[in-house]
Amino acid sequence: MYAWSLPMSRRGLLLFLTVAVLWGIPYLLISVALEGLGPVSVVAGRVALGAVILLPLAWRRGLPRLLREHWRPLLLLAGVEVIAPFTLIAIGERTVPSGLTGVLIATEPLFILALSLFWGRRERLARGAGAGVALGFLGVVVLLGVKGVGGGAVLVLTAAACYAVGALVMHRLFPTVPPLTVTAGMLALAAVPLLVAAAALEPAPQITTRVLLAVAALGIACTAGGFTCFFALISAEGPTRASFITYLAPVVAVVAGVAVLDEPLTSHAVAGTLLILAGAAVAARRPARMRTESSSIPVPESGGPDAQHDVFVATTSKSDVRSETERA
């Protein structure tokens, strides 16, 4: 049984589809925005706009207290989940096609799997999980052979590793804080240094309607909406499973790049994509003991969002449950 094979609630399915689209099209939009803006300016614009959208909504949901009492971990989250990966992706897309960027970012769950072995409690792995990780990174090697990708792919992979750290930070340091509140605070803390850096380091932007619409969509839909939905998945499913639920995103990225930007779809690109997704699927399998335990746990009749979360928590190990209780 795979980690995502338990029955999905209607809320879970909606989040699955929403995050897949919102995190599949940003790479296309970034490519368009780079036509008139520098990479830091693209990032600053989307982050600032996302913060402006979410701050009024989060202000009455505990944001002032969160900023006052937990600004240090929130600043850490802003760095590893926004400033570093967003900038690395924007720079990397100068040489990496938008579709392949989405596929390379899909290595995030592999990084999460590796990091979870050394950060906090150690997760039990299914037999062959190591082979799945190796298969996934073999796909990365194949993608590095795509003509014109260059060193930008390394930057994109580093961004994927940053996202993995950010997912674990969110899960461990903000397990009970509303995702909307965390997202708003994170974006607000990231916007100021990014705006300063864009003004100091990059030339005046060449604004066109096409560029403006791309930045607006990045900020409103992909940043404000995407992070809120993704953190909702983390709160309900944990970082590893939430990342695999979004595995439709690279497919969306590839299709969008080919359909809108006429990006080439080479045999190397197809092979690398299939290897990465197959490796992630193998690495995501649940250990045999956990499959046995989950098969004996009845699924609640209720189809509400809490039912799916109850099943997921029930299938974790006793040490995992104890750890969750201590954090609560």
C-alpha atoms as a PDB file:
ATOM      1  CA  MET A   1       0.000   0.000   0.000  1.00  0.00           C
ATOM      2  CA  TYR A   2       1.383   3.388  -0.921  1.00  0.00           C
ATOM      3  CA  ALA A   3       1.299   6.292   1.506  1.00  0.00           C
ATOM      4  CA  TRP A   4      -1.466   7.964  -0.447  1.00  0.00           C
ATOM      5  CA  SER A   5      -3.604   4.934  -1.168  1.00  0.00           C
ATOM      6  CA  LEU A   6      -5.953   5.345   1.796  1.00  0.00           C
ATOM      7  CA  PRO A   7      -9.407   6.691   0.856  1.00  0.00           C
ATOM      8  CA  MET A   8      -9.229  10.432   0.223  1.00  0.00           C
ATOM      9  CA  SER A   9     -11.883  12.785   1.517  1.00  0.00           C
ATOM     10  CA  ARG A  10     -13.507  15.324  -0.762  1.00  0.00           C
ATOM     11  CA  ARG A  11     -11.459  18.032   0.940  1.00  0.00           C
ATOM     12  CA  GLY A  12      -8.284  16.053   0.351  1.00  0.00           C
ATOM     13  CA  LEU A  13      -9.099  15.569  -3.331  1.00  0.00           C
ATOM     14  CA  LEU A  14      -9.829  19.275  -3.739  1.00  0.00           C
ATOM     15  CA  LEU A  15      -6.506  20.184  -2.106  1.00  0.00           C
ATOM     16  CA  PHE A  16      -4.739  17.624  -4.299  1.00  0.00           C
ATOM     17  CA  LEU A  17      -6.024  19.161  -7.523  1.00  0.00           C
ATOM     18  CA  THR A  18      -5.647  22.756  -6.371  1.00  0.00           C
ATOM     19  CA  VAL A  19      -2.039  22.423  -5.228  1.00  0.00           C
ATOM     20  CA  ALA A  20      -1.122  20.437  -8.346  1.00  0.00           C
ATOM     21  CA  VAL A  21      -2.255  23.290 -10.578  1.00  0.00           C
ATOM     22  CA  LEU A  22      -1.038  26.168  -8.402  1.00  0.00           C
ATOM     23  CA  TRP A  23       2.390  24.590  -8.016  1.00  0.00           C
ATOM     24  CA  GLY A  24       2.558  23.337 -11.589  1.00  0.00           C
ATOM     25  CA  ILE A  25       2.107  26.619 -13.454  1.00  0.00           C
ATOM     26  CA  PRO A  26       4.508  28.939 -11.515  1.00  0.00           C
ATOM     27  CA  TYR A  27       7.457  27.809 -13.639  1.00  0.00           C
ATOM     28  CA  LEU A  28       5.643  28.866 -16.792  1.00  0.00           C
ATOM     29  CA  LEU A  29       4.727  32.203 -15.214  1.00  0.00           C
ATOM     30  CA  ILE A  30       8.296  32.772 -14.000  1.00  0.00           C
ATOM     31  CA  SER A  31       9.595  32.260 -17.550  1.00  0.00           C
ATOM     32  CA  VAL A  32       7.143  34.895 -18.784  1.00  0.00           C
ATOM     33  CA  ALA A  33       7.972  37.347 -15.968  1.00  0.00           C
ATOM     34  CA  LEU A  34      11.708  37.034 -16.685  1.00  0.00           C
ATOM     35  CA  GLU A  35      11.045  38.614 -20.084  1.00  0.00           C
ATOM     36  CA  GLY A  36      10.891  42.016 -18.397  1.00  0.00           C
ATOM     37  CA  LEU A  37      12.236  41.554 -14.863  1.00  0.00           C
ATOM     38  CA  GLY A  38      15.384  40.298 -13.195  1.00  0.00           C
ATOM     39  CA  PRO A  39      15.087  37.104 -11.125  1.00  0.00           C
ATOM     40  CA  VAL A  40      15.167  38.861  -7.749  1.00  0.00           C
ATOM     41  CA  SER A  41      12.552  41.359  -8.946  1.00  0.00           C
ATOM     42  CA  VAL A  42      10.267  38.510 -10.031  1.00  0.00           C
ATOM     43  CA  VAL A  43      10.586  36.925  -6.592  1.00  0.00           C
ATOM     44  CA  ALA A  44      10.148  40.232  -4.756  1.00  0.00           C
ATOM     45  CA  GLY A  45       7.030  41.050  -6.760  1.00  0.00           C
ATOM     46  CA  ARG A  46       5.304  37.726  -6.183  1.00  0.00           C
ATOM     47  CA  VAL A  47       6.190  37.605  -2.479  1.00  0.00           C
ATOM     48  CA  ALA A  48       5.163  41.199  -1.765  1.00  0.00           C
ATOM     49  CA  LEU A  49       1.872  40.740  -3.588  1.00  0.00           C
ATOM     50  CA  GLY A  50       1.192  37.477  -1.792  1.00  0.00           C
ATOM     51  CA  ALA A  51       1.871  39.165   1.564  1.00  0.00           C
ATOM     52  CA  VAL A  52      -0.456  42.072   0.758  1.00  0.00           C
ATOM     53  CA  ILE A  53      -3.251  39.628  -0.104  1.00  0.00           C
ATOM     54  CA  LEU A  54      -2.878  37.471   3.009  1.00  0.00           C
ATOM     55  CA  LEU A  55      -1.979  39.981   5.756  1.00  0.00           C
ATOM     56  CA  PRO A  56      -5.520  41.414   6.208  1.00  0.00           C
ATOM     57  CA  LEU A  57      -6.964  37.895   6.320  1.00  0.00           C
ATOM     58  CA  ALA A  58      -4.426  36.650   8.878  1.00  0.00           C
ATOM     59  CA  TRP A  59      -4.337  39.710  11.126  1.00  0.00           C
ATOM     60  CA  ARG A  60      -7.364  38.633  13.168  1.00  0.00           C
ATOM     61  CA  ARG A  61      -6.181  35.018  13.266  1.00  0.00           C
ATOM     62  CA  GLY A  62      -3.241  35.541  15.564  1.00  0.00           C
ATOM     63  CA  LEU A  63      -0.640  37.003  13.205  1.00  0.00           C
ATOM     64  CA  PRO A  64       0.487  39.859  15.523  1.00  0.00           C
ATOM     65  CA  ARG A  65       1.096  37.387  18.355  1.00  0.00           C
ATOM     66  CA  LEU A  66       2.875  34.965  16.020  1.00  0.00           C
ATOM     67  CA  LEU A  67       5.200  37.705  14.784  1.00  0.00           C
ATOM     68  CA  ARG A  68       5.840  38.937  18.314  1.00  0.00           C
ATOM     69  CA  GLU A  69       6.502  35.597  19.992  1.00  0.00           C
ATOM     70  CA  HIS A  70       7.869  33.405  17.198  1.00  0.00           C
ATOM     71  CA  TRP A  71       9.547  35.740  14.744  1.00  0.00           C
ATOM     72  CA  ARG A  72      12.856  33.856  14.829  1.00  0.00           C
ATOM     73  CA  PRO A  73      11.532  30.452  13.657  1.00  0.00           C
ATOM     74  CA  LEU A  74       9.210  32.277  11.265  1.00  0.00           C
ATOM     75  CA  LEU A  75      12.197  34.115   9.799  1.00  0.00           C
ATOM     76  CA  LEU A  76      13.973  30.776   9.404  1.00  0.00           C
ATOM     77  CA  LEU A  77      10.941  29.413   7.556  1.00  0.00           C
ATOM     78  CA  ALA A  78      10.853  32.516   5.338  1.00  0.00           C
ATOM     79  CA  GLY A  79      14.479  31.953   4.408  1.00  0.00           C
ATOM     80  CA  VAL A  80      14.307  28.252   3.539  1.00  0.00           C
ATOM     81  CA  GLU A  81      10.787  28.177   2.079  1.00  0.00           C
ATOM     82  CA  VAL A  82      10.632  31.513   0.236  1.00  0.00           C
ATOM     83  CA  ILE A  83      13.749  33.659  -0.144  1.00  0.00           C
ATOM     84  CA  ALA A  84      16.293  30.984  -1.038  1.00  0.00           C
ATOM     85  CA  PRO A  85      14.227  28.590  -3.214  1.00  0.00           C
ATOM     86  CA  PHE A  86      12.237  31.275  -5.059  1.00  0.00           C
ATOM     87  CA  THR A  87      15.431  33.121  -5.992  1.00  0.00           C
ATOM     88  CA  LEU A  88      17.295  29.968  -6.985  1.00  0.00           C
ATOM     89  CA  ILE A  89      14.427  28.849  -9.218  1.00  0.00           C
ATOM     90  CA  ALA A  90      14.153  32.250 -10.929  1.00  0.00           C
ATOM     91  CA  ILE A  91      17.897  32.295 -11.645  1.00  0.00           C
ATOM     92  CA  GLY A  92      17.891  28.658 -12.712  1.00  0.00           C
ATOM     93  CA  GLU A  93      15.086  29.202 -15.205  1.00  0.00           C
ATOM     94  CA  ARG A  94      17.381  31.403 -17.267  1.00  0.00           C
ATOM     95  CA  THR A  95      18.785  28.148 -18.665  1.00  0.00           C
ATOM     96  CA  VAL A  96      16.330  25.438 -17.569  1.00  0.00           C
ATOM     97  CA  PRO A  97      12.961  25.125 -19.396  1.00  0.00           C
ATOM     98  CA  SER A  98       9.937  25.688 -17.185  1.00  0.00           C
ATOM     99  CA  GLY A  99       8.676  22.115 -17.567  1.00  0.00           C
ATOM    100  CA  LEU A 100      11.990  20.561 -16.526  1.00  0.00           C
ATOM    101  CA  THR A 101      12.177  22.985 -13.611  1.00  0.00           C
ATOM    102  CA  GLY A 102       8.887  21.589 -12.337  1.00  0.00           C
ATOM    103  CA  VAL A 103      10.214  18.039 -12.678  1.00  0.00           C
ATOM    104  CA  LEU A 104      13.456  18.850 -10.816  1.00  0.00           C
ATOM    105  CA  ILE A 105      11.470  20.441  -7.987  1.00  0.00           C
ATOM    106  CA  ALA A 106       9.576  17.138  -7.778  1.00  0.00           C
ATOM    107  CA  THR A 107      12.674  15.671  -6.097  1.00  0.00           C
ATOM    108  CA  GLU A 108      11.604  17.482  -2.903  1.00  0.00           C
ATOM    109  CA  PRO A 109      10.044  14.368  -1.283  1.00  0.00           C
ATOM    110  CA  LEU A 110      13.298  12.481  -1.819  1.00  0.00           C
ATOM    111  CA  PHE A 111      15.124  15.194   0.112  1.00  0.00           C
ATOM    112  CA  ILE A 112      12.440  15.079   2.821  1.00  0.00           C
ATOM    113  CA  LEU A 113      12.881  11.332   3.107  1.00  0.00           C
ATOM    114  CA  ALA A 114      16.637  11.700   3.507  1.00  0.00           C
ATOM    115  CA  LEU A 115      16.415  14.596   5.974  1.00  0.00           C
ATOM    116  CA  SER A 116      13.785  12.879   8.126  1.00  0.00           C
ATOM    117  CA  LEU A 117      16.289  10.109   8.895  1.00  0.00           C
ATOM    118  CA  PHE A 118      18.564  12.544  10.705  1.00  0.00           C
ATOM    119  CA  TRP A 119      16.249  15.306  11.917  1.00  0.00           C
ATOM    120  CA  GLY A 120      14.080  14.362  14.878  1.00  0.00           C
ATOM    121  CA  ARG A 121      12.538  10.903  15.015  1.00  0.00           C
ATOM    122  CA  ARG A 122      13.790   8.329  12.522  1.00  0.00           C
ATOM    123  CA  GLU A 123      11.164   7.044  10.100  1.00  0.00           C
ATOM    124  CA  ARG A 124      10.918   3.376   9.191  1.00  0.00           C
ATOM    125  CA  LEU A 125      11.471   2.800   5.497  1.00  0.00           C
ATOM    126  CA  ALA A 126      10.001   0.166   3.216  1.00  0.00           C
ATOM    127  CA  ARG A 127      12.287  -2.383   1.618  1.00  0.00           C
ATOM    128  CA  GLY A 128      13.699  -0.888  -1.542  1.00  0.00           C
ATOM    129  CA  ALA A 129      13.230   2.749  -0.436  1.00  0.00           C
ATOM    130  CA  GLY A 130      16.930   3.391  -0.933  1.00  0.00           C
ATOM    131  CA  ALA A 131      16.678   2.007  -4.455  1.00  0.00           C
ATOM    132  CA  GLY A 132      13.767   4.375  -5.086  1.00  0.00           C
ATOM    133  CA  VAL A 133      15.857   7.362  -4.017  1.00  0.00           C
ATOM    134  CA  ALA A 134      18.698   6.191  -6.263  1.00  0.00           C
ATOM    135  CA  LEU A 135      16.258   5.749  -9.158  1.00  0.00           C
ATOM    136  CA  GLY A 136      14.915   9.248  -8.658  1.00  0.00           C
ATOM    137  CA  PHE A 137      18.326  10.848  -8.670  1.00  0.00           C
ATOM    138  CA  LEU A 138      19.287   8.786 -11.720  1.00  0.00           C
ATOM    139  CA  GLY A 139      16.432  10.627 -13.391  1.00  0.00           C
ATOM    140  CA  VAL A 140      18.063  13.882 -12.310  1.00  0.00           C
ATOM    141  CA  VAL A 141      21.310  12.797 -13.964  1.00  0.00           C
ATOM    142  CA  VAL A 142      19.401  12.049 -17.176  1.00  0.00           C
ATOM    143  CA  LEU A 143      17.773  15.488 -17.074  1.00  0.00           C
ATOM    144  CA  LEU A 144      21.173  17.117 -16.615  1.00  0.00           C
ATOM    145  CA  GLY A 145      22.017  15.724 -20.042  1.00  0.00           C
ATOM    146  CA  VAL A 146      19.254  17.717 -21.718  1.00  0.00           C
ATOM    147  CA  LYS A 147      20.806  20.280 -24.038  1.00  0.00           C
ATOM    148  CA  GLY A 148      20.867  23.825 -22.686  1.00  0.00           C
ATOM    149  CA  VAL A 149      20.007  22.948 -19.065  1.00  0.00           C
ATOM    150  CA  GLY A 150      23.455  23.886 -17.769  1.00  0.00           C
ATOM    151  CA  GLY A 151      24.267  24.765 -14.168  1.00  0.00           C
ATOM    152  CA  GLY A 152      20.777  26.135 -13.629  1.00  0.00           C
ATOM    153  CA  ALA A 153      19.616  22.608 -12.838  1.00  0.00           C
ATOM    154  CA  VAL A 154      21.893  22.529  -9.799  1.00  0.00           C
ATOM    155  CA  LEU A 155      20.268  25.721  -8.532  1.00  0.00           C
ATOM    156  CA  VAL A 156      16.801  24.246  -9.015  1.00  0.00           C
ATOM    157  CA  LEU A 157      17.799  21.061  -7.157  1.00  0.00           C
ATOM    158  CA  THR A 158      19.125  23.192  -4.297  1.00  0.00           C
ATOM    159  CA  ALA A 159      15.756  24.941  -4.230  1.00  0.00           C
ATOM    160  CA  ALA A 160      14.043  21.546  -3.919  1.00  0.00           C
ATOM    161  CA  ALA A 161      16.262  20.742  -0.927  1.00  0.00           C
ATOM    162  CA  CYS A 162      15.304  24.091   0.629  1.00  0.00           C
ATOM    163  CA  TYR A 163      11.618  23.259   0.190  1.00  0.00           C
ATOM    164  CA  ALA A 164      12.208  19.952   1.971  1.00  0.00           C
ATOM    165  CA  VAL A 165      13.785  21.720   4.944  1.00  0.00           C
ATOM    166  CA  GLY A 166      10.908  24.213   4.952  1.00  0.00           C
ATOM    167  CA  ALA A 167       8.280  21.464   5.029  1.00  0.00           C
ATOM    168  CA  LEU A 168       9.957  19.843   8.042  1.00  0.00           C
ATOM    169  CA  VAL A 169      10.357  23.195   9.815  1.00  0.00           C
ATOM    170  CA  MET A 170       6.660  23.926   9.278  1.00  0.00           C
ATOM    171  CA  HIS A 171       5.609  20.489  10.525  1.00  0.00           C
ATOM    172  CA  ARG A 172       7.782  20.570  13.655  1.00  0.00           C
ATOM    173  CA  LEU A 173       7.668  24.235  14.732  1.00  0.00           C
ATOM    174  CA  PHE A 174       4.149  25.296  13.695  1.00  0.00           C
ATOM    175  CA  PRO A 175       1.992  22.147  13.998  1.00  0.00           C
ATOM    176  CA  THR A 176      -1.027  23.900  15.531  1.00  0.00           C
ATOM    177  CA  VAL A 177      -0.842  27.361  13.916  1.00  0.00           C
ATOM    178  CA  PRO A 178      -3.359  28.031  11.104  1.00  0.00           C
ATOM    179  CA  PRO A 179      -1.583  27.680   7.745  1.00  0.00           C
ATOM    180  CA  LEU A 180      -2.931  31.023   6.541  1.00  0.00           C
ATOM    181  CA  THR A 181      -1.352  32.804   9.510  1.00  0.00           C
ATOM    182  CA  VAL A 182       2.026  31.134   9.033  1.00  0.00           C
ATOM    183  CA  THR A 183       2.019  31.866   5.302  1.00  0.00           C
ATOM    184  CA  ALA A 184       1.179  35.546   5.785  1.00  0.00           C
ATOM    185  CA  GLY A 185       3.871  36.043   8.425  1.00  0.00           C
ATOM    186  CA  MET A 186       6.447  34.160   6.380  1.00  0.00           C
ATOM    187  CA  LEU A 187       5.772  36.195   3.241  1.00  0.00           C
ATOM    188  CA  ALA A 188       5.766  39.488   5.153  1.00  0.00           C
ATOM    189  CA  LEU A 189       9.192  38.767   6.644  1.00  0.00           C
ATOM    190  CA  ALA A 190      10.561  37.688   3.273  1.00  0.00           C
ATOM    191  CA  ALA A 191       9.171  40.612   1.253  1.00  0.00           C
ATOM    192  CA  VAL A 192      11.255  43.404   2.804  1.00  0.00           C
ATOM    193  CA  PRO A 193      14.774  42.017   2.151  1.00  0.00           C
ATOM    194  CA  LEU A 194      13.730  40.850  -1.322  1.00  0.00           C
ATOM    195  CA  LEU A 195      12.408  44.289  -2.302  1.00  0.00           C
ATOM    196  CA  VAL A 196      15.582  45.946  -1.026  1.00  0.00           C
ATOM    197  CA  ALA A 197      17.784  43.465  -2.899  1.00  0.00           C
ATOM    198  CA  ALA A 198      15.808  43.884  -6.135  1.00  0.00           C
ATOM    199  CA  ALA A 199      16.104  47.682  -5.981  1.00  0.00           C
ATOM    200  CA  ALA A 200      19.811  47.572  -5.210  1.00  0.00           C
ATOM    201  CA  LEU A 201      20.993  44.797  -7.517  1.00  0.00           C
ATOM    202  CA  GLU A 202      18.852  44.844 -10.655  1.00  0.00           C
ATOM    203  CA  PRO A 203      18.140  47.383 -13.414  1.00  0.00           C
ATOM    204  CA  ALA A 204      14.809  49.087 -13.965  1.00  0.00           C
ATOM    205  CA  PRO A 205      12.117  46.600 -15.037  1.00  0.00           C
ATOM    206  CA  GLN A 206      10.654  46.477 -18.548  1.00  0.00           C
ATOM    207  CA  ILE A 207       6.975  46.189 -17.680  1.00  0.00           C
ATOM    208  CA  THR A 208       4.508  44.842 -20.236  1.00  0.00           C
ATOM    209  CA  THR A 209       0.957  43.608 -19.800  1.00  0.00           C
ATOM    210  CA  ARG A 210       2.177  40.036 -20.248  1.00  0.00           C
ATOM    211  CA  VAL A 211       4.853  40.421 -17.560  1.00  0.00           C
ATOM    212  CA  LEU A 212       2.473  42.216 -15.187  1.00  0.00           C
ATOM    213  CA  LEU A 213      -0.173  39.504 -15.479  1.00  0.00           C
ATOM    214  CA  ALA A 214       2.425  36.804 -14.883  1.00  0.00           C
ATOM    215  CA  VAL A 215       3.665  38.440 -11.667  1.00  0.00           C
ATOM    216  CA  ALA A 216       0.075  39.046 -10.502  1.00  0.00           C
ATOM    217  CA  ALA A 217      -0.822  35.380 -11.025  1.00  0.00           C
ATOM    218  CA  LEU A 218       2.377  34.299  -9.256  1.00  0.00           C
ATOM    219  CA  GLY A 219       1.649  36.463  -6.225  1.00  0.00           C
ATOM    220  CA  ILE A 220      -2.089  36.007  -5.827  1.00  0.00           C
ATOM    221  CA  ALA A 221      -2.724  32.441  -6.955  1.00  0.00           C
ATOM    222  CA  CYS A 222       0.548  30.529  -6.816  1.00  0.00           C
ATOM    223  CA  THR A 223       2.133  32.179  -3.760  1.00  0.00           C
ATOM    224  CA  ALA A 224      -0.727  33.248  -1.477  1.00  0.00           C
ATOM    225  CA  GLY A 225      -3.095  30.473  -2.517  1.00  0.00           C
ATOM    226  CA  GLY A 226      -0.501  27.778  -3.132  1.00  0.00           C
ATOM    227  CA  PHE A 227       1.293  28.047   0.188  1.00  0.00           C
ATOM    228  CA  THR A 228      -1.950  28.162   2.149  1.00  0.00           C
ATOM    229  CA  CYS A 229      -3.245  25.006   0.483  1.00  0.00           C
ATOM    230  CA  PHE A 230       0.069  23.183   0.768  1.00  0.00           C
ATOM    231  CA  PHE A 231       0.476  23.955   4.464  1.00  0.00           C
ATOM    232  CA  ALA A 232      -3.095  22.745   4.961  1.00  0.00           C
ATOM    233  CA  LEU A 233      -1.967  19.442   3.452  1.00  0.00           C
ATOM    234  CA  ILE A 234       1.035  19.321   5.792  1.00  0.00           C
ATOM    235  CA  SER A 235      -1.201  19.939   8.814  1.00  0.00           C
ATOM    236  CA  ALA A 236      -3.506  17.098   7.798  1.00  0.00           C
ATOM    237  CA  GLU A 237      -1.071  14.578   6.329  1.00  0.00           C
ATOM    238  CA  GLY A 238       2.468  15.339   7.514  1.00  0.00           C
ATOM    239  CA  PRO A 239       5.279  16.651   5.299  1.00  0.00           C
ATOM    240  CA  THR A 240       6.155  13.447   3.439  1.00  0.00           C
ATOM    241  CA  ARG A 241       2.655  12.509   2.371  1.00  0.00           C
ATOM    242  CA  ALA A 242       1.704  16.108   1.596  1.00  0.00           C
ATOM    243  CA  SER A 243       4.626  16.351  -0.816  1.00  0.00           C
ATOM    244  CA  PHE A 244       3.647  13.168  -2.646  1.00  0.00           C
ATOM    245  CA  ILE A 245       0.026  14.321  -2.946  1.00  0.00           C
ATOM    246  CA  THR A 246       1.319  17.223  -5.064  1.00  0.00           C
ATOM    247  CA  TYR A 247       3.057  14.891  -7.512  1.00  0.00           C
ATOM    248  CA  LEU A 248       0.735  15.888 -10.303  1.00  0.00           C
ATOM    249  CA  ALA A 249       2.439  19.308 -10.312  1.00  0.00           C
ATOM    250  CA  PRO A 250       5.437  18.354 -12.502  1.00  0.00           C
ATOM    251  CA  VAL A 251       3.083  16.887 -15.096  1.00  0.00           C
ATOM    252  CA  VAL A 252       1.179  20.177 -15.118  1.00  0.00           C
ATOM    253  CA  ALA A 253       4.488  22.048 -15.462  1.00  0.00           C
ATOM    254  CA  VAL A 254       5.643  19.973 -18.434  1.00  0.00           C
ATOM    255  CA  VAL A 255       2.288  20.187 -20.234  1.00  0.00           C
ATOM    256  CA  ALA A 256       2.062  23.948 -19.656  1.00  0.00           C
ATOM    257  CA  GLY A 257       5.607  24.537 -20.901  1.00  0.00           C
ATOM    258  CA  VAL A 258       5.018  22.528 -24.081  1.00  0.00           C
ATOM    259  CA  ALA A 259       1.553  23.930 -24.779  1.00  0.00           C
ATOM    260  CA  VAL A 260       2.149  27.616 -24.000  1.00  0.00           C
ATOM    261  CA  LEU A 261       5.871  28.222 -24.532  1.00  0.00           C
ATOM    262  CA  ASP A 262       6.503  25.547 -27.187  1.00  0.00           C
ATOM    263  CA  GLU A 263       9.257  24.030 -25.063  1.00  0.00           C
ATOM    264  CA  PRO A 264      10.769  20.894 -26.644  1.00  0.00           C
ATOM    265  CA  LEU A 265       9.815  17.514 -25.208  1.00  0.00           C
ATOM    266  CA  THR A 266      12.906  15.375 -25.829  1.00  0.00           C
ATOM    267  CA  SER A 267      13.451  11.701 -25.104  1.00  0.00           C
ATOM    268  CA  HIS A 268      15.913  12.681 -22.331  1.00  0.00           C
ATOM    269  CA  ALA A 269      13.263  14.867 -20.724  1.00  0.00           C
ATOM    270  CA  VAL A 270      10.634  12.112 -20.855  1.00  0.00           C
ATOM    271  CA  ALA A 271      13.033   9.462 -19.519  1.00  0.00           C
ATOM    272  CA  GLY A 272      14.263  11.680 -16.692  1.00  0.00           C
ATOM    273  CA  THR A 273      10.716  12.610 -15.705  1.00  0.00           C
ATOM    274  CA  LEU A 274       9.588   8.975 -15.594  1.00  0.00           C
ATOM    275  CA  LEU A 275      12.648   7.930 -13.547  1.00  0.00           C
ATOM    276  CA  ILE A 276      12.104  10.688 -10.978  1.00  0.00           C
ATOM    277  CA  LEU A 277       8.395   9.943 -10.542  1.00  0.00           C
ATOM    278  CA  ALA A 278       8.986   6.176 -10.422  1.00  0.00           C
ATOM    279  CA  GLY A 279      11.771   6.575  -7.891  1.00  0.00           C
ATOM    280  CA  ALA A 280       9.564   8.736  -5.697  1.00  0.00           C
ATOM    281  CA  ALA A 281       6.759   6.180  -5.874  1.00  0.00           C
ATOM    282  CA  VAL A 282       9.086   3.359  -4.787  1.00  0.00           C
ATOM    283  CA  ALA A 283      10.614   5.438  -1.994  1.00  0.00           C
ATOM    284  CA  ALA A 284       7.143   6.407  -0.719  1.00  0.00           C
ATOM    285  CA  ARG A 285       5.954   2.852  -0.040  1.00  0.00           C
ATOM    286  CA  ARG A 286       4.968   2.139   3.543  1.00  0.00           C
ATOM    287  CA  PRO A 287       6.943  -0.486   5.496  1.00  0.00           C
ATOM    288  CA  ALA A 288       5.387  -3.978   5.598  1.00  0.00           C
ATOM    289  CA  ARG A 289       4.566  -3.681   9.307  1.00  0.00           C
ATOM    290  CA  MET A 290       2.716  -0.417   8.748  1.00  0.00           C
ATOM    291  CA  ARG A 291       0.778  -1.944   5.829  1.00  0.00           C
ATOM    292  CA  THR A 292      -0.343  -4.780   8.129  1.00  0.00           C
ATOM    293  CA  GLU A 293      -1.373  -2.371  10.861  1.00  0.00           C
ATOM    294  CA  SER A 294      -3.268  -0.087   8.500  1.00  0.00           C
ATOM    295  CA  SER A 295      -5.199  -2.989   6.967  1.00  0.00           C
ATOM    296  CA  SER A 296      -6.706  -3.798  10.372  1.00  0.00           C
ATOM    297  CA  ILE A 297      -7.845  -0.247  11.108  1.00  0.00           C
ATOM    298  CA  PRO A 298     -11.452   0.503  10.152  1.00  0.00           C
ATOM    299  CA  VAL A 299     -12.067   3.568   8.040  1.00  0.00           C
ATOM    300  CA  PRO A 300     -14.577   5.973   9.664  1.00  0.00           C
ATOM    301  CA  GLU A 301     -17.878   6.212   7.862  1.00  0.00           C
ATOM    302  CA  SER A 302     -17.776   9.982   7.933  1.00  0.00           C
ATOM    303  CA  GLY A 303     -16.395  11.503   4.757  1.00  0.00           C
ATOM    304  CA  GLY A 304     -15.378  14.763   6.433  1.00  0.00           C
ATOM    305  CA  PRO A 305     -11.841  16.110   6.488  1.00  0.00           C
ATOM    306  CA  ASP A 306     -11.135  14.838  10.013  1.00  0.00           C
ATOM    307  CA  ALA A 307     -11.858  11.254   9.024  1.00  0.00           C
ATOM    308  CA  GLN A 308      -8.906  11.070   6.645  1.00  0.00           C
ATOM    309  CA  HIS A 309      -6.605  12.622   9.241  1.00  0.00           C
ATOM    310  CA  ASP A 310      -7.721  10.083  11.872  1.00  0.00           C
ATOM    311  CA  VAL A 311      -6.845   7.187   9.570  1.00  0.00           C
ATOM    312  CA  PHE A 312      -3.418   8.655   8.816  1.00  0.00           C
ATOM    313  CA  VAL A 313      -2.593   9.229  12.495  1.00  0.00           C
ATOM    314  CA  ALA A 314      -3.812   5.752  13.413  1.00  0.00           C
ATOM    315  CA  THR A 315      -1.373   4.146  10.988  1.00  0.00           C
ATOM    316  CA  THR A 316       1.702   5.838  12.481  1.00  0.00           C
ATOM    317  CA  SER A 317       3.949   4.110  14.984  1.00  0.00           C
ATOM    318  CA  LYS A 318       3.482   4.481  18.724  1.00  0.00           C
ATOM    319  CA  SER A 319       6.566   6.665  18.971  1.00  0.00           C
ATOM    320  CA  ASP A 320       5.165   8.962  16.280  1.00  0.00           C
ATOM    321  CA  VAL A 321       1.880   9.327  18.175  1.00  0.00           C
ATOM    322  CA  ARG A 322       3.744  10.035  21.419  1.00  0.00           C
ATOM    323  CA  SER A 323       5.814  12.711  19.699  1.00  0.00           C
ATOM    324  CA  GLU A 324       2.735  14.389  18.258  1.00  0.00           C
ATOM    325  CA  THR A 325       1.119  14.413  21.721  1.00  0.00           C
ATOM    326  CA  GLU A 326       4.179  16.004  23.322  1.00  0.00           C
ATOM    327  CA  ARG A 327       4.214  18.789  20.730  1.00  0.00           C
ATOM    328  CA  ALA A 328       0.515  19.460  21.230  1.00  0.00           C
END
